């Protein structure tokens, strides 16, 4: 079973059936059957985003699916080594190295730094995101990546 670091955009698409990337991410999960890295910041950010979309049936489905996955540890592999203070320091260091070349947001740097840390301490197979700028940062940080790009035509 591969271990994947999926940023919030990819995890949101996995849990939320109405997300524009849901079909792509869910298809990849069905094909790969991965476990996802899970840690306090990612949990907070994902829960926050799901709370903001919990206004319809899809949002409620997503919220319940996440809570079930958290209780059962289905697909979510907790990473105790990823503490907020250590990851903020790692993201600060990565920002110092790359901010001028990769104009991503601070949370993007935090996700990439966390994924890089997991790669150092265990077997991280891939970094998944729906964010083109973040995937470039992840590649520059030495991570194998997968970018999900919307296939639906603009309406």
Protein backbone atom coordinates (compact mmCIF):
# COMPACT_ATOMS: atom_id res chain seq x y z
CA UNK A 1 0.00 0.00 0.00
CA UNK A 2 1.68 3.25 -1.07
CA UNK A 3 2.03 6.15 1.34
CA UNK A 4 0.91 9.43 -0.21
CA UNK A 5 1.15 12.98 1.07
CA UNK A 6 -1.99 14.57 -0.31
CA UNK A 7 -2.31 18.27 0.39
CA UNK A 8 -5.66 19.69 1.43
CA UNK A 9 -6.80 20.30 -2.15
CA UNK A 10 -6.38 16.61 -3.00
CA UNK A 11 -7.84 15.29 0.26
CA UNK A 12 -10.82 17.63 -0.04
CA UNK A 13 -11.45 16.23 -3.52
CA UNK A 14 -11.22 12.69 -2.17
CA UNK A 15 -13.77 13.26 0.58
CA UNK A 16 -16.09 15.75 -1.16
CA UNK A 17 -18.01 14.16 -4.06
CA UNK A 18 -18.95 17.58 -5.45
CA UNK A 19 -15.41 18.89 -5.74
CA UNK A 20 -14.24 19.61 -9.31
CA UNK A 21 -11.30 17.23 -8.81
CA UNK A 22 -13.31 14.47 -7.06
CA UNK A 23 -13.55 12.12 -10.04
CA UNK A 24 -9.83 12.37 -10.77
CA UNK A 25 -8.64 11.93 -7.20
CA UNK A 26 -11.14 9.18 -6.40
CA UNK A 27 -10.08 7.33 -9.55
CA UNK A 28 -6.44 7.53 -8.49
CA UNK A 29 -7.32 6.27 -5.01
CA UNK A 30 -9.23 3.34 -6.45
CA UNK A 31 -6.31 2.46 -8.70
CA UNK A 32 -3.49 2.95 -6.15
CA UNK A 33 -5.28 2.13 -2.86
CA UNK A 34 -2.96 4.43 -0.86
CA UNK A 35 -2.72 5.48 2.74
CA UNK A 36 -2.48 9.22 3.28
CA UNK A 37 -0.12 11.04 5.62
CA UNK A 38 -2.14 12.74 8.36
CA UNK A 39 -0.90 15.17 10.99
CA UNK A 40 -2.29 18.07 13.10
CA UNK A 41 -1.95 20.91 10.58
CA UNK A 42 -3.38 18.89 7.70
CA UNK A 43 -6.23 17.71 9.94
CA UNK A 44 -7.02 21.29 10.97
CA UNK A 45 -6.86 22.68 7.44
CA UNK A 46 -8.96 19.86 5.97
CA UNK A 47 -11.59 20.06 8.71
CA UNK A 48 -11.74 23.84 8.32
CA UNK A 49 -12.33 23.60 4.57
CA UNK A 50 -14.93 20.87 4.99
CA UNK A 51 -16.77 22.96 7.56
CA UNK A 52 -17.00 25.81 5.05
CA UNK A 53 -18.60 23.54 2.42
CA UNK A 54 -20.85 21.67 4.85
CA UNK A 55 -23.85 23.59 3.53
CA UNK A 56 -25.36 20.94 1.26
CA UNK A 57 -25.67 17.15 0.94
CA UNK A 58 -22.21 16.79 -0.64
CA UNK A 59 -20.64 18.79 2.16
CA UNK A 60 -22.36 16.67 4.79
CA UNK A 61 -21.24 13.46 3.06
CA UNK A 62 -17.67 14.77 3.00
CA UNK A 63 -17.74 15.71 6.68
CA UNK A 64 -19.10 12.32 7.74
CA UNK A 65 -16.64 10.45 5.52
CA UNK A 66 -13.70 12.33 7.02
CA UNK A 67 -14.87 11.75 10.60
CA UNK A 68 -15.33 8.03 9.89
CA UNK A 69 -11.87 7.81 8.33
CA UNK A 70 -10.37 9.57 11.36
CA UNK A 71 -12.08 7.21 13.83
CA UNK A 72 -11.16 4.05 11.94
CA UNK A 73 -7.77 5.20 10.60
CA UNK A 74 -9.02 4.08 7.18
CA UNK A 75 -6.60 5.55 4.65
CA UNK A 76 -5.27 8.11 7.16
CA UNK A 77 -1.88 7.21 8.64
CA UNK A 78 -1.07 9.46 11.60
CA UNK A 79 2.48 10.84 11.62
CA UNK A 80 3.45 11.59 15.22
CA UNK A 81 6.84 12.86 14.06
CA UNK A 82 5.22 15.81 12.31
CA UNK A 83 4.80 18.23 15.18
CA UNK A 84 3.73 21.79 14.50
CA UNK A 85 6.87 23.41 15.89
CA UNK A 86 9.24 21.16 13.92
CA UNK A 87 7.26 21.54 10.71
CA UNK A 88 7.05 25.33 11.05
CA UNK A 89 10.84 25.39 11.38
CA UNK A 90 11.19 23.09 8.35
CA UNK A 91 8.80 25.24 6.31
CA UNK A 92 10.74 28.35 7.34
CA UNK A 93 13.94 26.74 6.11
CA UNK A 94 12.33 25.65 2.83
CA UNK A 95 10.91 29.16 2.35
CA UNK A 96 14.39 30.59 2.88
CA UNK A 97 15.71 28.29 0.15
CA UNK A 98 12.90 28.63 -2.39
CA UNK A 99 10.59 31.61 -1.79
CA UNK A 100 12.18 33.71 -4.52
CA UNK A 101 11.82 30.92 -7.08
CA UNK A 102 8.48 29.44 -6.04
CA UNK A 103 5.88 32.05 -5.03
CA UNK A 104 3.54 29.71 -3.17
CA UNK A 105 1.54 30.42 -0.04
CA UNK A 106 2.84 29.68 3.44
CA UNK A 107 0.59 26.62 3.85
CA UNK A 108 2.00 25.21 0.60
CA UNK A 109 5.50 25.44 2.06
CA UNK A 110 4.29 23.74 5.23
CA UNK A 111 2.80 20.83 3.26
CA UNK A 112 5.92 20.36 1.13
CA UNK A 113 8.20 20.57 4.17
CA UNK A 114 6.09 17.94 5.95
CA UNK A 115 6.14 15.65 2.92
CA UNK A 116 9.90 16.06 2.63
CA UNK A 117 10.23 15.11 6.31
CA UNK A 118 8.10 11.98 5.84
CA UNK A 119 10.25 11.01 2.87
CA UNK A 120 13.34 11.24 5.10
CA UNK A 121 11.95 9.13 7.95
CA UNK A 122 9.90 6.54 6.05
CA UNK A 123 8.76 5.52 2.61
CA UNK A 124 6.81 8.33 0.97
CA UNK A 125 5.73 7.30 -2.50
CA UNK A 126 4.23 10.49 -3.91
CA UNK A 127 2.96 14.01 -3.22
CA UNK A 128 -0.55 14.71 -4.57
CA UNK A 129 -2.03 18.15 -5.17
CA UNK A 130 -4.46 20.07 -7.37
CA UNK A 131 -2.22 23.18 -7.18
CA UNK A 132 0.14 23.73 -10.13
CA UNK A 133 2.41 26.16 -8.27
CA UNK A 134 2.71 23.86 -5.28
CA UNK A 135 3.60 20.86 -7.44
CA UNK A 136 6.58 22.80 -8.81
CA UNK A 137 7.76 23.54 -5.28
CA UNK A 138 7.35 19.87 -4.34
CA UNK A 139 9.36 18.77 -7.37
CA UNK A 140 12.10 21.26 -6.54
CA UNK A 141 12.17 19.81 -3.01
CA UNK A 142 12.87 16.37 -4.48
CA UNK A 143 9.43 14.81 -4.20
CA UNK A 144 7.76 12.58 -6.76
CA UNK A 145 4.50 14.35 -7.55
CA UNK A 146 1.09 13.96 -9.11
CA UNK A 147 -0.88 17.01 -10.21
CA UNK A 148 -4.61 16.66 -10.70
CA UNK A 149 -5.85 19.03 -13.39
CA UNK A 150 -9.53 19.72 -13.93
CA UNK A 151 -10.74 17.95 -17.04
CA UNK A 152 -14.18 19.59 -17.15
CA UNK A 153 -14.64 22.33 -19.73
CA UNK A 154 -15.22 25.82 -18.37
CA UNK A 155 -18.89 26.73 -18.48
